[in-house]
PDB file of N, CA and C in Angstrom:
ATOM      1  N   MET A   1     -19.513  -8.462   6.928  1.00  0.00           N
ATOM      2  CA  MET A   1     -18.781  -7.886   8.002  1.00  0.00           C
ATOM      3  C   MET A   1     -19.043  -9.222   8.549  1.00  0.00           C
ATOM      4  N   ALA A   2     -19.840 -10.439   8.420  1.00  0.00           N
ATOM      5  CA  ALA A   2     -19.922 -11.780   8.938  1.00  0.00           C
ATOM      6  C   ALA A   2     -18.155 -12.073   8.407  1.00  0.00           C
ATOM      7  N   LEU A   3     -18.312 -12.163   6.941  1.00  0.00           N
ATOM      8  CA  LEU A   3     -16.917 -12.845   6.885  1.00  0.00           C
ATOM      9  C   LEU A   3     -15.646 -12.501   6.913  1.00  0.00           C
ATOM     10  N   LYS A   4     -15.421 -10.806   6.824  1.00  0.00           N
ATOM     11  CA  LYS A   4     -14.060  -9.909   7.107  1.00  0.00           C
ATOM     12  C   LYS A   4     -13.768 -10.006   8.605  1.00  0.00           C
ATOM     13  N   VAL A   5     -14.968  -9.528   9.408  1.00  0.00           N
ATOM     14  CA  VAL A   5     -14.702  -9.285  11.006  1.00  0.00           C
ATOM     15  C   VAL A   5     -15.121 -10.377  11.914  1.00  0.00           C
ATOM     16  N   TYR A   6     -16.062 -11.218  11.656  1.00  0.00           N
ATOM     17  CA  TYR A   6     -15.726 -12.810  12.555  1.00  0.00           C
ATOM     18  C   TYR A   6     -15.548 -13.833  11.917  1.00  0.00           C
ATOM     19  N   HIS A   7     -14.808 -13.897  10.516  1.00  0.00           N
ATOM     20  CA  HIS A   7     -14.316 -14.402  10.094  1.00  0.00           C
ATOM     21  C   HIS A   7     -15.277 -15.783   9.937  1.00  0.00           C
ATOM     22  N   GLY A   8     -16.071 -15.553   9.750  1.00  0.00           N
ATOM     23  CA  GLY A   8     -16.865 -17.116   9.380  1.00  0.00           C
ATOM     24  C   GLY A   8     -17.138 -17.329   8.359  1.00  0.00           C
ATOM     25  N   ASP A   9     -17.847 -18.421   8.005  1.00  0.00           N
ATOM     26  CA  ASP A   9     -17.568 -19.058   6.762  1.00  0.00           C
ATOM     27  C   ASP A   9     -19.102 -19.775   6.350  1.00  0.00           C
ATOM     28  N   PRO A  10     -20.077 -19.516   5.361  1.00  0.00           N
ATOM     29  CA  PRO A  10     -21.608 -19.901   5.214  1.00  0.00           C
ATOM     30  C   PRO A  10     -21.673 -21.085   4.870  1.00  0.00           C
ATOM     31  N   LYS A  11     -20.760 -21.408   4.106  1.00  0.00           N
ATOM     32  CA  LYS A  11     -20.602 -22.768   3.803  1.00  0.00           C
ATOM     33  C   LYS A  11     -19.358 -23.761   4.737  1.00  0.00           C
ATOM     34  N   GLY A  12     -18.980 -23.568   5.532  1.00  0.00           N
ATOM     35  CA  GLY A  12     -17.940 -24.194   6.696  1.00  0.00           C
ATOM     36  C   GLY A  12     -18.272 -25.177   6.928  1.00  0.00           C
ATOM     37  N   ASN A  13     -17.552 -26.549   6.997  1.00  0.00           N
ATOM     38  CA  ASN A  13     -17.451 -27.571   7.614  1.00  0.00           C
ATOM     39  C   ASN A  13     -17.664 -27.303   9.262  1.00  0.00           C
ATOM     40  N   ASP A  14     -17.077 -26.825   9.749  1.00  0.00           N
ATOM     41  CA  ASP A  14     -16.678 -26.366  11.271  1.00  0.00           C
ATOM     42  C   ASP A  14     -18.122 -25.333  11.224  1.00  0.00           C
ATOM     43  N   SER A  15     -18.807 -25.823  12.739  1.00  0.00           N
ATOM     44  CA  SER A  15     -19.709 -25.465  13.065  1.00  0.00           C
ATOM     45  C   SER A  15     -19.301 -23.940  13.980  1.00  0.00           C
ATOM     46  N   ALA A  16     -18.748 -23.668  14.368  1.00  0.00           N
ATOM     47  CA  ALA A  16     -18.080 -22.340  14.988  1.00  0.00           C
ATOM     48  C   ALA A  16     -17.796 -21.206  13.419  1.00  0.00           C
ATOM     49  N   ALA A  17     -17.601 -21.797  12.736  1.00  0.00           N
ATOM     50  CA  ALA A  17     -17.606 -20.450  11.725  1.00  0.00           C
ATOM     51  C   ALA A  17     -18.461 -20.426  10.861  1.00  0.00           C
ATOM     52  N   VAL A  18     -19.372 -21.536  11.130  1.00  0.00           N
ATOM     53  CA  VAL A  18     -21.112 -21.319  10.731  1.00  0.00           C
ATOM     54  C   VAL A  18     -21.815 -20.411  11.368  1.00  0.00           C
ATOM     55  N   LYS A  19     -21.555 -20.445  12.769  1.00  0.00           N
ATOM     56  CA  LYS A  19     -21.875 -19.365  13.753  1.00  0.00           C
ATOM     57  C   LYS A  19     -21.401 -17.944  13.996  1.00  0.00           C
ATOM     58  N   ALA A  20     -20.243 -18.399  13.848  1.00  0.00           N
ATOM     59  CA  ALA A  20     -19.838 -16.672  13.505  1.00  0.00           C
ATOM     60  C   ALA A  20     -20.017 -16.042  12.461  1.00  0.00           C
ATOM     61  N   TYR A  21     -20.620 -16.954  11.152  1.00  0.00           N
ATOM     62  CA  TYR A  21     -20.997 -16.004   9.865  1.00  0.00           C
ATOM     63  C   TYR A  21     -22.492 -15.587  10.587  1.00  0.00           C
ATOM     64  N   ASP A  22     -23.007 -16.281  11.208  1.00  0.00           N
ATOM     65  CA  ASP A  22     -24.548 -15.604  11.428  1.00  0.00           C
ATOM     66  C   ASP A  22     -24.370 -14.691  12.697  1.00  0.00           C
ATOM     67  N   ALA A  23     -23.584 -14.931  13.111  1.00  0.00           N
ATOM     68  CA  ALA A  23     -23.473 -13.336  14.528  1.00  0.00           C
ATOM     69  C   ALA A  23     -22.953 -12.055  13.860  1.00  0.00           C
ATOM     70  N   GLY A  24     -22.155 -12.334  12.845  1.00  0.00           N
ATOM     71  CA  GLY A  24     -21.765 -11.282  11.752  1.00  0.00           C
ATOM     72  C   GLY A  24     -22.976 -10.891  11.212  1.00  0.00           C
ATOM     73  N   VAL A  25     -23.317 -11.246  10.575  1.00  0.00           N
ATOM     74  CA  VAL A  25     -24.824 -11.048   9.827  1.00  0.00           C
ATOM     75  C   VAL A  25     -25.846 -10.471  10.445  1.00  0.00           C
ATOM     76  N   ARG A  26     -26.367 -10.941  11.843  1.00  0.00           N
ATOM     77  CA  ARG A  26     -27.257 -10.097  12.757  1.00  0.00           C
ATOM     78  C   ARG A  26     -26.340  -9.102  12.984  1.00  0.00           C
ATOM     79  N   GLU A  27     -25.417  -8.833  13.820  1.00  0.00           N
ATOM     80  CA  GLU A  27     -24.672  -7.961  13.834  1.00  0.00           C
ATOM     81  C   GLU A  27     -24.584  -6.748  12.913  1.00  0.00           C
ATOM     82  N   ALA A  28     -24.178  -6.944  11.460  1.00  0.00           N
ATOM     83  CA  ALA A  28     -24.400  -5.935  10.427  1.00  0.00           C
ATOM     84  C   ALA A  28     -26.212  -5.810  10.042  1.00  0.00           C
ATOM     85  N   ASP A  29     -26.720  -5.247  10.941  1.00  0.00           N
ATOM     86  CA  ASP A  29     -28.229  -5.091  10.656  1.00  0.00           C
ATOM     87  C   ASP A  29     -28.419  -4.066   9.891  1.00  0.00           C
ATOM     88  N   GLY A  30     -28.802  -4.453   8.319  1.00  0.00           N
ATOM     89  CA  GLY A  30     -29.118  -4.075   7.184  1.00  0.00           C
ATOM     90  C   GLY A  30     -30.296  -2.405   7.853  1.00  0.00           C
ATOM     91  N   SER A  31     -31.542  -3.020   8.433  1.00  0.00           N
ATOM     92  CA  SER A  31     -32.421  -1.977   8.497  1.00  0.00           C
ATOM     93  C   SER A  31     -32.011  -1.383   9.079  1.00  0.00           C
ATOM     94  N   LYS A  32     -30.610  -1.162  10.013  1.00  0.00           N
ATOM     95  CA  LYS A  32     -30.329  -0.115  10.931  1.00  0.00           C
ATOM     96  C   LYS A  32     -29.138   0.616  10.145  1.00  0.00           C
ATOM     97  N   VAL A  33     -28.407   0.244   9.536  1.00  0.00           N
ATOM     98  CA  VAL A  33     -27.392   0.920   9.072  1.00  0.00           C
ATOM     99  C   VAL A  33     -27.632   1.610   7.823  1.00  0.00           C
ATOM    100  N   TRP A  34     -28.192   0.980   7.263  1.00  0.00           N
ATOM    101  CA  TRP A  34     -28.929   1.424   5.584  1.00  0.00           C
ATOM    102  C   TRP A  34     -29.227   3.243   5.971  1.00  0.00           C
ATOM    103  N   PRO A  35     -30.723   3.074   6.535  1.00  0.00           N
ATOM    104  CA  PRO A  35     -30.861   4.073   6.369  1.00  0.00           C
ATOM    105  C   PRO A  35     -30.350   5.376   7.898  1.00  0.00           C
ATOM    106  N   MET A  36     -29.266   4.645   8.258  1.00  0.00           N
ATOM    107  CA  MET A  36     -28.780   6.014   9.051  1.00  0.00           C
ATOM    108  C   MET A  36     -27.738   6.553   8.157  1.00  0.00           C
ATOM    109  N   SER A  37     -26.661   5.603   7.097  1.00  0.00           N
ATOM    110  CA  SER A  37     -25.784   6.591   6.583  1.00  0.00           C
ATOM    111  C   SER A  37     -26.447   7.117   5.151  1.00  0.00           C
ATOM    112  N   ASN A  38     -27.665   6.475   4.760  1.00  0.00           N
ATOM    113  CA  ASN A  38     -28.838   7.719   3.942  1.00  0.00           C
ATOM    114  C   ASN A  38     -29.055   9.070   4.432  1.00  0.00           C
ATOM    115  N   PHE A  39     -28.897   8.867   5.801  1.00  0.00           N
ATOM    116  CA  PHE A  39     -29.403  10.116   6.706  1.00  0.00           C
ATOM    117  C   PHE A  39     -28.357  11.124   6.772  1.00  0.00           C
ATOM    118  N   ILE A  40     -27.322  10.425   7.013  1.00  0.00           N
ATOM    119  CA  ILE A  40     -25.580  11.084   6.681  1.00  0.00           C
ATOM    120  C   ILE A  40     -25.388  11.731   6.151  1.00  0.00           C
ATOM    121  N   VAL A  41     -25.341  10.454   4.884  1.00  0.00           N
ATOM    122  CA  VAL A  41     -25.186  11.570   3.354  1.00  0.00           C
ATOM    123  C   VAL A  41     -26.001  12.771   3.174  1.00  0.00           C
ATOM    124  N   PHE A  42     -26.920  12.642   3.721  1.00  0.00           N
ATOM    125  CA  PHE A  42     -28.407  13.416   3.270  1.00  0.00           C
ATOM    126  C   PHE A  42     -27.883  14.766   4.067  1.00  0.00           C
ATOM    127  N   ALA A  43     -27.349  14.583   4.999  1.00  0.00           N
ATOM    128  CA  ALA A  43     -27.205  15.814   6.197  1.00  0.00           C
ATOM    129  C   ALA A  43     -25.531  16.360   5.428  1.00  0.00           C
ATOM    130  N   CYS A  44     -24.989  15.969   4.648  1.00  0.00           N
ATOM    131  CA  CYS A  44     -23.733  16.031   4.314  1.00  0.00           C
ATOM    132  C   CYS A  44     -24.090  16.908   3.146  1.00  0.00           C
ATOM    133  N   MET A  45     -24.884  16.676   2.326  1.00  0.00           N
ATOM    134  CA  MET A  45     -25.074  17.017   0.955  1.00  0.00           C
ATOM    135  C   MET A  45     -26.211  18.778   1.442  1.00  0.00           C
ATOM    136  N   ALA A  46     -26.897  18.434   2.202  1.00  0.00           N
ATOM    137  CA  ALA A  46     -27.717  19.605   2.619  1.00  0.00           C
ATOM    138  C   ALA A  46     -26.695  21.027   3.040  1.00  0.00           C
ATOM    139  N   GLY A  47     -25.909  20.022   3.930  1.00  0.00           N
ATOM    140  CA  GLY A  47     -24.589  21.548   4.582  1.00  0.00           C
ATOM    141  C   GLY A  47     -23.729  21.193   3.064  1.00  0.00           C
ATOM    142  N   THR A  48     -23.409  20.845   2.189  1.00  0.00           N
ATOM    143  CA  THR A  48     -22.735  21.403   0.746  1.00  0.00           C
ATOM    144  C   THR A  48     -23.328  22.595   0.092  1.00  0.00           C
ATOM    145  N   ALA A  49     -25.073  21.932  -0.208  1.00  0.00           N
ATOM    146  CA  ALA A  49     -25.726  23.286  -0.227  1.00  0.00           C
ATOM    147  C   ALA A  49     -25.801  24.279   0.410  1.00  0.00           C
ATOM    148  N   ILE A  50     -25.943  24.363   1.424  1.00  0.00           N
ATOM    149  CA  ILE A  50     -25.968  25.593   1.983  1.00  0.00           C
ATOM    150  C   ILE A  50     -24.801  26.257   2.014  1.00  0.00           C
ATOM    151  N   ILE A  51     -23.674  25.857   2.153  1.00  0.00           N
ATOM    152  CA  ILE A  51     -22.543  26.473   1.993  1.00  0.00           C
ATOM    153  C   ILE A  51     -22.135  27.090   0.619  1.00  0.00           C
ATOM    154  N   SER A  52     -22.612  26.270  -0.734  1.00  0.00           N
ATOM    155  CA  SER A  52     -22.789  26.761  -1.763  1.00  0.00           C
ATOM    156  C   SER A  52     -23.384  27.863  -1.503  1.00  0.00           C
ATOM    157  N   LEU A  53     -24.615  28.092  -1.672  1.00  0.00           N
ATOM    158  CA  LEU A  53     -25.688  28.792  -1.649  1.00  0.00           C
ATOM    159  C   LEU A  53     -24.749  30.298  -0.974  1.00  0.00           C
ATOM    160  N   VAL A  54     -24.276  29.831   0.576  1.00  0.00           N
ATOM    161  CA  VAL A  54     -23.705  31.460   1.229  1.00  0.00           C
ATOM    162  C   VAL A  54     -22.580  31.951  -0.007  1.00  0.00           C
ATOM    163  N   SER A  55     -21.912  31.054  -0.734  1.00  0.00           N
ATOM    164  CA  SER A  55     -20.826  31.610  -0.944  1.00  0.00           C
ATOM    165  C   SER A  55     -21.115  31.997  -2.706  1.00  0.00           C
ATOM    166  N   VAL A  56     -22.071  31.200  -3.079  1.00  0.00           N
ATOM    167  CA  VAL A  56     -22.668  31.711  -4.502  1.00  0.00           C
ATOM    168  C   VAL A  56     -23.046  33.536  -3.931  1.00  0.00           C
ATOM    169  N   ASN A  57     -24.012  33.456  -2.770  1.00  0.00           N
ATOM    170  CA  ASN A  57     -24.231  35.054  -2.795  1.00  0.00           C
ATOM    171  C   ASN A  57     -23.318  36.092  -2.468  1.00  0.00           C
ATOM    172  N   LYS A  58     -22.172  35.204  -2.047  1.00  0.00           N
ATOM    173  CA  LYS A  58     -21.108  36.152  -1.653  1.00  0.00           C
ATOM    174  C   LYS A  58     -20.518  36.735  -2.994  1.00  0.00           C
ATOM    175  N   TYR A  59     -20.544  35.824  -4.278  1.00  0.00           N
ATOM    176  CA  TYR A  59     -19.578  36.285  -5.230  1.00  0.00           C
ATOM    177  C   TYR A  59     -20.966  36.868  -6.568  1.00  0.00           C
ATOM    178  N   ILE A  60     -22.081  37.022  -5.782  1.00  0.00           N
ATOM    179  CA  ILE A  60     -23.177  37.312  -6.972  1.00  0.00           C
ATOM    180  C   ILE A  60     -23.058  38.751  -7.881  1.00  0.00           C
ATOM    181  N   THR A  61     -22.261  39.442  -7.275  1.00  0.00           N
ATOM    182  CA  THR A  61     -22.238  40.926  -8.111  1.00  0.00           C
ATOM    183  C   THR A  61     -21.234  41.064  -8.823  1.00  0.00           C
ATOM    184  N   GLU A  62     -19.912  40.030  -8.384  1.00  0.00           N
ATOM    185  CA  GLU A  62     -18.653  40.300  -9.231  1.00  0.00           C
ATOM    186  C   GLU A  62     -18.106  39.035 -10.302  1.00  0.00           C
ATOM    187  N   GLY A  63     -19.201  37.491  -9.519  1.00  0.00           N
ATOM    188  CA  GLY A  63     -18.992  36.406 -10.453  1.00  0.00           C
ATOM    189  C   GLY A  63     -17.849  35.592  -9.822  1.00  0.00           C
ATOM    190  N   ILE A  64     -18.008  34.297 -10.331  1.00  0.00           N
ATOM    191  CA  ILE A  64     -16.531  33.406  -9.970  1.00  0.00           C
ATOM    192  C   ILE A  64     -15.436  33.362 -11.157  1.00  0.00           C
ATOM    193  N   GLN A  65     -15.676  33.723 -12.128  1.00  0.00           N
ATOM    194  CA  GLN A  65     -14.731  33.781 -13.275  1.00  0.00           C
ATOM    195  C   GLN A  65     -13.314  34.239 -12.986  1.00  0.00           C
ATOM    196  N   HIS A  66     -13.150  35.327 -11.934  1.00  0.00           N
ATOM    197  CA  HIS A  66     -11.938  35.770 -11.744  1.00  0.00           C
ATOM    198  C   HIS A  66     -10.981  34.764 -10.554  1.00  0.00           C
ATOM    199  N   ALA A  67     -11.711  33.910 -10.536  1.00  0.00           N
ATOM    200  CA  ALA A  67     -10.980  32.509  -9.793  1.00  0.00           C
ATOM    201  C   ALA A  67     -10.276  31.638 -10.423  1.00  0.00           C
ATOM    202  N   ILE A  68     -10.257  31.610 -11.838  1.00  0.00           N
ATOM    203  CA  ILE A  68      -9.964  31.155 -12.699  1.00  0.00           C
ATOM    204  C   ILE A  68      -8.765  32.049 -13.264  1.00  0.00           C
ATOM    205  N   GLY A  69      -9.917  33.188 -13.418  1.00  0.00           N
ATOM    206  CA  GLY A  69      -8.933  34.082 -14.542  1.00  0.00           C
ATOM    207  C   GLY A  69      -9.155  34.187 -15.640  1.00  0.00           C
ATOM    208  N   GLU A  70      -8.834  35.651 -16.357  1.00  0.00           N
ATOM    209  CA  GLU A  70      -9.263  35.177 -18.073  1.00  0.00           C
ATOM    210  C   GLU A  70      -7.904  34.577 -18.763  1.00  0.00           C
ATOM    211  N   ASN A  71      -7.269  34.650 -18.631  1.00  0.00           N
ATOM    212  CA  ASN A  71      -5.703  33.925 -19.090  1.00  0.00           C
ATOM    213  C   ASN A  71      -6.223  32.091 -19.825  1.00  0.00           C
ATOM    214  N   ARG A  72      -6.009  32.056 -21.338  1.00  0.00           N
ATOM    215  CA  ARG A  72      -6.571  31.130 -21.681  1.00  0.00           C
ATOM    216  C   ARG A  72      -5.725  29.780 -21.210  1.00  0.00           C
ATOM    217  N   ALA A  73      -4.269  29.863 -21.118  1.00  0.00           N
ATOM    218  CA  ALA A  73      -3.206  29.103 -20.543  1.00  0.00           C
ATOM    219  C   ALA A  73      -3.666  28.724 -19.348  1.00  0.00           C
ATOM    220  N   ILE A  74      -3.952  29.733 -18.646  1.00  0.00           N
ATOM    221  CA  ILE A  74      -4.651  28.814 -17.344  1.00  0.00           C
ATOM    222  C   ILE A  74      -5.924  27.982 -16.996  1.00  0.00           C
ATOM    223  N   LYS A  75      -6.178  28.687 -17.852  1.00  0.00           N
ATOM    224  CA  LYS A  75      -7.666  28.038 -17.799  1.00  0.00           C
ATOM    225  C   LYS A  75      -7.260  26.395 -18.322  1.00  0.00           C
ATOM    226  N   ILE A  76      -6.703  26.070 -19.669  1.00  0.00           N
ATOM    227  CA  ILE A  76      -6.075  24.804 -19.989  1.00  0.00           C
ATOM    228  C   ILE A  76      -5.180  24.148 -19.438  1.00  0.00           C
ATOM    229  N   ALA A  77      -4.566  24.920 -18.653  1.00  0.00           N
ATOM    230  CA  ALA A  77      -3.661  24.160 -17.390  1.00  0.00           C
ATOM    231  C   ALA A  77      -4.656  23.723 -16.282  1.00  0.00           C
ATOM    232  N   SER A  78      -5.337  24.207 -15.806  1.00  0.00           N
ATOM    233  CA  SER A  78      -6.380  24.437 -14.776  1.00  0.00           C
ATOM    234  C   SER A  78      -7.273  22.855 -15.278  1.00  0.00           C
ATOM    235  N   LEU A  79      -7.508  23.076 -16.540  1.00  0.00           N
ATOM    236  CA  LEU A  79      -8.808  21.569 -16.721  1.00  0.00           C
ATOM    237  C   LEU A  79      -7.681  20.323 -17.004  1.00  0.00           C
ATOM    238  N   ILE A  80      -6.532  20.591 -17.274  1.00  0.00           N
ATOM    239  CA  ILE A  80      -5.491  19.199 -17.380  1.00  0.00           C
ATOM    240  C   ILE A  80      -5.241  18.813 -15.799  1.00  0.00           C
ATOM    241  N   THR A  81      -4.910  19.933 -15.079  1.00  0.00           N
ATOM    242  CA  THR A  81      -4.467  19.393 -13.823  1.00  0.00           C
ATOM    243  C   THR A  81      -5.788  19.052 -12.674  1.00  0.00           C
ATOM    244  N   TYR A  82      -7.069  19.372 -13.339  1.00  0.00           N
ATOM    245  CA  TYR A  82      -7.874  18.491 -12.676  1.00  0.00           C
ATOM    246  C   TYR A  82      -8.915  17.215 -13.088  1.00  0.00           C
ATOM    247  N   SER A  83      -8.171  16.966 -14.513  1.00  0.00           N
ATOM    248  CA  SER A  83      -8.535  15.693 -14.935  1.00  0.00           C
ATOM    249  C   SER A  83      -7.819  14.816 -15.194  1.00  0.00           C
ATOM    250  N   ILE A  84      -6.970  15.198 -15.193  1.00  0.00           N
ATOM    251  CA  ILE A  84      -5.419  13.872 -15.782  1.00  0.00           C
ATOM    252  C   ILE A  84      -5.456  13.289 -14.396  1.00  0.00           C
ATOM    253  N   PRO A  85      -5.317  13.581 -13.362  1.00  0.00           N
ATOM    254  CA  PRO A  85      -4.799  12.965 -11.787  1.00  0.00           C
ATOM    255  C   PRO A  85      -6.072  11.282 -11.573  1.00  0.00           C
ATOM    256  N   PHE A  86      -7.455  12.108 -11.943  1.00  0.00           N
ATOM    257  CA  PHE A  86      -8.494  11.174 -11.731  1.00  0.00           C
ATOM    258  C   PHE A  86      -8.718  10.088 -12.772  1.00  0.00           C
ATOM    259  N   SER A  87      -8.417  10.634 -14.204  1.00  0.00           N
ATOM    260  CA  SER A  87      -8.335   9.360 -15.339  1.00  0.00           C
ATOM    261  C   SER A  87      -7.298   8.740 -14.877  1.00  0.00           C
ATOM    262  N   ILE A  88      -6.010   8.805 -14.669  1.00  0.00           N
ATOM    263  CA  ILE A  88      -4.774   8.137 -14.751  1.00  0.00           C
ATOM    264  C   ILE A  88      -5.487   7.161 -13.356  1.00  0.00           C
ATOM    265  N   THR A  89      -5.693   7.500 -12.277  1.00  0.00           N
ATOM    266  CA  THR A  89      -6.034   6.805 -10.967  1.00  0.00           C
ATOM    267  C   THR A  89      -7.420   6.038 -11.411  1.00  0.00           C
ATOM    268  N   ALA A  90      -8.265   5.963 -11.915  1.00  0.00           N
ATOM    269  CA  ALA A  90      -9.715   5.230 -12.443  1.00  0.00           C
ATOM    270  C   ALA A  90      -8.677   4.390 -13.572  1.00  0.00           C
ATOM    271  N   ASP A  91      -8.082   4.401 -14.706  1.00  0.00           N
ATOM    272  CA  ASP A  91      -7.746   3.439 -15.251  1.00  0.00           C
ATOM    273  C   ASP A  91      -6.510   3.031 -14.530  1.00  0.00           C
ATOM    274  N   LEU A  92      -5.334   3.164 -13.732  1.00  0.00           N
ATOM    275  CA  LEU A  92      -4.705   1.929 -13.031  1.00  0.00           C
ATOM    276  C   LEU A  92      -5.314   1.297 -11.769  1.00  0.00           C
ATOM    277  N   THR A  93      -6.626   1.761 -11.539  1.00  0.00           N
ATOM    278  CA  THR A  93      -7.192   0.753 -10.401  1.00  0.00           C
ATOM    279  C   THR A  93      -8.662   0.275 -11.185  1.00  0.00           C
ATOM    280  N   ALA A  94      -8.640   0.091 -12.216  1.00  0.00           N
ATOM    281  CA  ALA A  94     -10.004  -0.238 -12.691  1.00  0.00           C
ATOM    282  C   ALA A  94      -9.993  -2.117 -12.211  1.00  0.00           C
ATOM    283  N   ASP A  95      -8.849  -2.425 -12.735  1.00  0.00           N
ATOM    284  CA  ASP A  95      -8.607  -3.961 -12.824  1.00  0.00           C
ATOM    285  C   ASP A  95      -8.227  -4.591 -10.970  1.00  0.00           C
ATOM    286  N   THR A  96      -8.560  -3.746 -10.293  1.00  0.00           N
ATOM    287  CA  THR A  96      -8.126  -4.252  -8.992  1.00  0.00           C
ATOM    288  C   THR A  96      -9.032  -4.587  -8.138  1.00  0.00           C
ATOM    289  N   GLY A  97     -10.476  -4.844  -8.693  1.00  0.00           N
ATOM    290  CA  GLY A  97     -11.396  -5.341  -8.090  1.00  0.00           C
ATOM    291  C   GLY A  97     -12.269  -4.361  -7.030  1.00  0.00           C
ATOM    292  N   GLY A  98     -12.357  -3.495  -7.015  1.00  0.00           N
ATOM    293  CA  GLY A  98     -13.483  -2.631  -6.101  1.00  0.00           C
ATOM    294  C   GLY A  98     -12.335  -1.623  -5.353  1.00  0.00           C
ATOM    295  N   GLY A  99     -11.373  -0.959  -5.912  1.00  0.00           N
ATOM    296  CA  GLY A  99      -9.955  -0.086  -4.737  1.00  0.00           C
ATOM    297  C   GLY A  99     -10.585   1.090  -5.969  1.00  0.00           C
ATOM    298  N   GLN A 100     -11.479   1.140  -6.751  1.00  0.00           N
ATOM    299  CA  GLN A 100     -10.913   2.448  -7.614  1.00  0.00           C
ATOM    300  C   GLN A 100     -11.649   3.255  -6.809  1.00  0.00           C
ATOM    301  N   GLY A 101     -12.865   3.617  -5.978  1.00  0.00           N
ATOM    302  CA  GLY A 101     -13.667   4.691  -5.243  1.00  0.00           C
ATOM    303  C   GLY A 101     -12.547   4.765  -4.471  1.00  0.00           C
ATOM    304  N   LEU A 102     -12.060   4.020  -3.828  1.00  0.00           N
ATOM    305  CA  LEU A 102     -10.819   3.832  -2.530  1.00  0.00           C
ATOM    306  C   LEU A 102      -9.857   4.569  -2.853  1.00  0.00           C
ATOM    307  N   ALA A 103      -9.131   4.647  -4.657  1.00  0.00           N
ATOM    308  CA  ALA A 103      -7.907   4.988  -4.652  1.00  0.00           C
ATOM    309  C   ALA A 103      -8.318   6.744  -4.581  1.00  0.00           C
ATOM    310  N   ILE A 104      -9.421   7.173  -5.442  1.00  0.00           N
ATOM    311  CA  ILE A 104     -10.087   8.334  -6.336  1.00  0.00           C
ATOM    312  C   ILE A 104     -10.218   8.769  -4.812  1.00  0.00           C
ATOM    313  N   GLY A 105     -10.737   8.157  -3.962  1.00  0.00           N
ATOM    314  CA  GLY A 105     -11.271   9.465  -2.903  1.00  0.00           C
ATOM    315  C   GLY A 105     -10.090   9.400  -1.952  1.00  0.00           C
ATOM    316  N   VAL A 106      -8.945   8.988  -1.489  1.00  0.00           N
ATOM    317  CA  VAL A 106      -6.806   9.269  -1.147  1.00  0.00           C
ATOM    318  C   VAL A 106      -6.576  10.376  -2.137  1.00  0.00           C
ATOM    319  N   LEU A 107      -7.006  10.421  -3.348  1.00  0.00           N
ATOM    320  CA  LEU A 107      -6.577  11.434  -4.164  1.00  0.00           C
ATOM    321  C   LEU A 107      -7.586  12.776  -4.124  1.00  0.00           C
ATOM    322  N   ASN A 108      -8.596  12.498  -3.596  1.00  0.00           N
ATOM    323  CA  ASN A 108      -9.345  13.580  -3.207  1.00  0.00           C
ATOM    324  C   ASN A 108      -8.875  14.331  -2.097  1.00  0.00           C
ATOM    325  N   LEU A 109      -8.154  13.565  -1.175  1.00  0.00           N
ATOM    326  CA  LEU A 109      -7.881  14.125   0.086  1.00  0.00           C
ATOM    327  C   LEU A 109      -6.407  14.791   0.041  1.00  0.00           C
ATOM    328  N   ALA A 110      -5.467  13.988  -0.840  1.00  0.00           N
ATOM    329  CA  ALA A 110      -4.161  14.219  -1.140  1.00  0.00           C
ATOM    330  C   ALA A 110      -4.438  16.172  -1.656  1.00  0.00           C
ATOM    331  N   ILE A 111      -5.523  15.944  -2.534  1.00  0.00           N
ATOM    332  CA  ILE A 111      -5.645  17.746  -3.232  1.00  0.00           C
ATOM    333  C   ILE A 111      -6.248  18.478  -2.158  1.00  0.00           C
ATOM    334  N   VAL A 112      -7.303  18.044  -1.279  1.00  0.00           N
ATOM    335  CA  VAL A 112      -7.906  18.898  -0.933  1.00  0.00           C
ATOM    336  C   VAL A 112      -7.406  19.407   0.527  1.00  0.00           C
ATOM    337  N   ILE A 113      -6.669  18.398   1.319  1.00  0.00           N
ATOM    338  CA  ILE A 113      -5.904  18.876   2.667  1.00  0.00           C
ATOM    339  C   ILE A 113      -4.767  19.802   2.531  1.00  0.00           C
ATOM    340  N   PRO A 114      -3.989  19.253   1.314  1.00  0.00           N
ATOM    341  CA  PRO A 114      -3.015  20.707   1.272  1.00  0.00           C
ATOM    342  C   PRO A 114      -3.553  22.482   1.308  1.00  0.00           C
ATOM    343  N   GLN A 115      -4.735  21.987   0.288  1.00  0.00           N
ATOM    344  CA  GLN A 115      -5.396  23.368  -0.258  1.00  0.00           C
ATOM    345  C   GLN A 115      -6.472  23.724   1.337  1.00  0.00           C
ATOM    346  N   SER A 116      -6.902  23.018   2.328  1.00  0.00           N
ATOM    347  CA  SER A 116      -7.344  23.408   3.588  1.00  0.00           C
ATOM    348  C   SER A 116      -6.071  24.384   4.324  1.00  0.00           C
ATOM    349  N   ALA A 117      -4.602  23.627   4.198  1.00  0.00           N
ATOM    350  CA  ALA A 117      -3.894  24.028   5.028  1.00  0.00           C
ATOM    351  C   ALA A 117      -3.275  25.210   4.128  1.00  0.00           C
ATOM    352  N   HIS A 118      -3.605  25.666   3.479  1.00  0.00           N
ATOM    353  CA  HIS A 118      -2.994  26.477   2.699  1.00  0.00           C
ATOM    354  C   HIS A 118      -4.258  28.327   3.268  1.00  0.00           C
ATOM    355  N   THR A 119      -5.185  27.653   3.197  1.00  0.00           N
ATOM    356  CA  THR A 119      -6.388  28.533   3.369  1.00  0.00           C
ATOM    357  C   THR A 119      -6.258  28.758   4.623  1.00  0.00           C
TER     358      THR A 119
END
């Protein structure tokens, strides 16, 4: 944050750049941001667990195998459809210097948003 938002430079010759860097470091106080983000992740994961538990209880009698079907060709096509885009994305963005997580997140959104709009 100190480098990107405040345009500071810790090794700068200009005292304004050093002061901007110090202001950015103080603004992004890790003792508050890190625990808060951990709590948000915990709340989201707990919500996911609750939703999954309700969903599994709904299908406990008939199972969830019917979602993919008994057809072997559909199972193979599903495995390819689910895994190939992620492996290609990971391979293409591996050398970009930190863009792999963002690219896979965008790919997830590109898959989930149409599915949500459909249901």
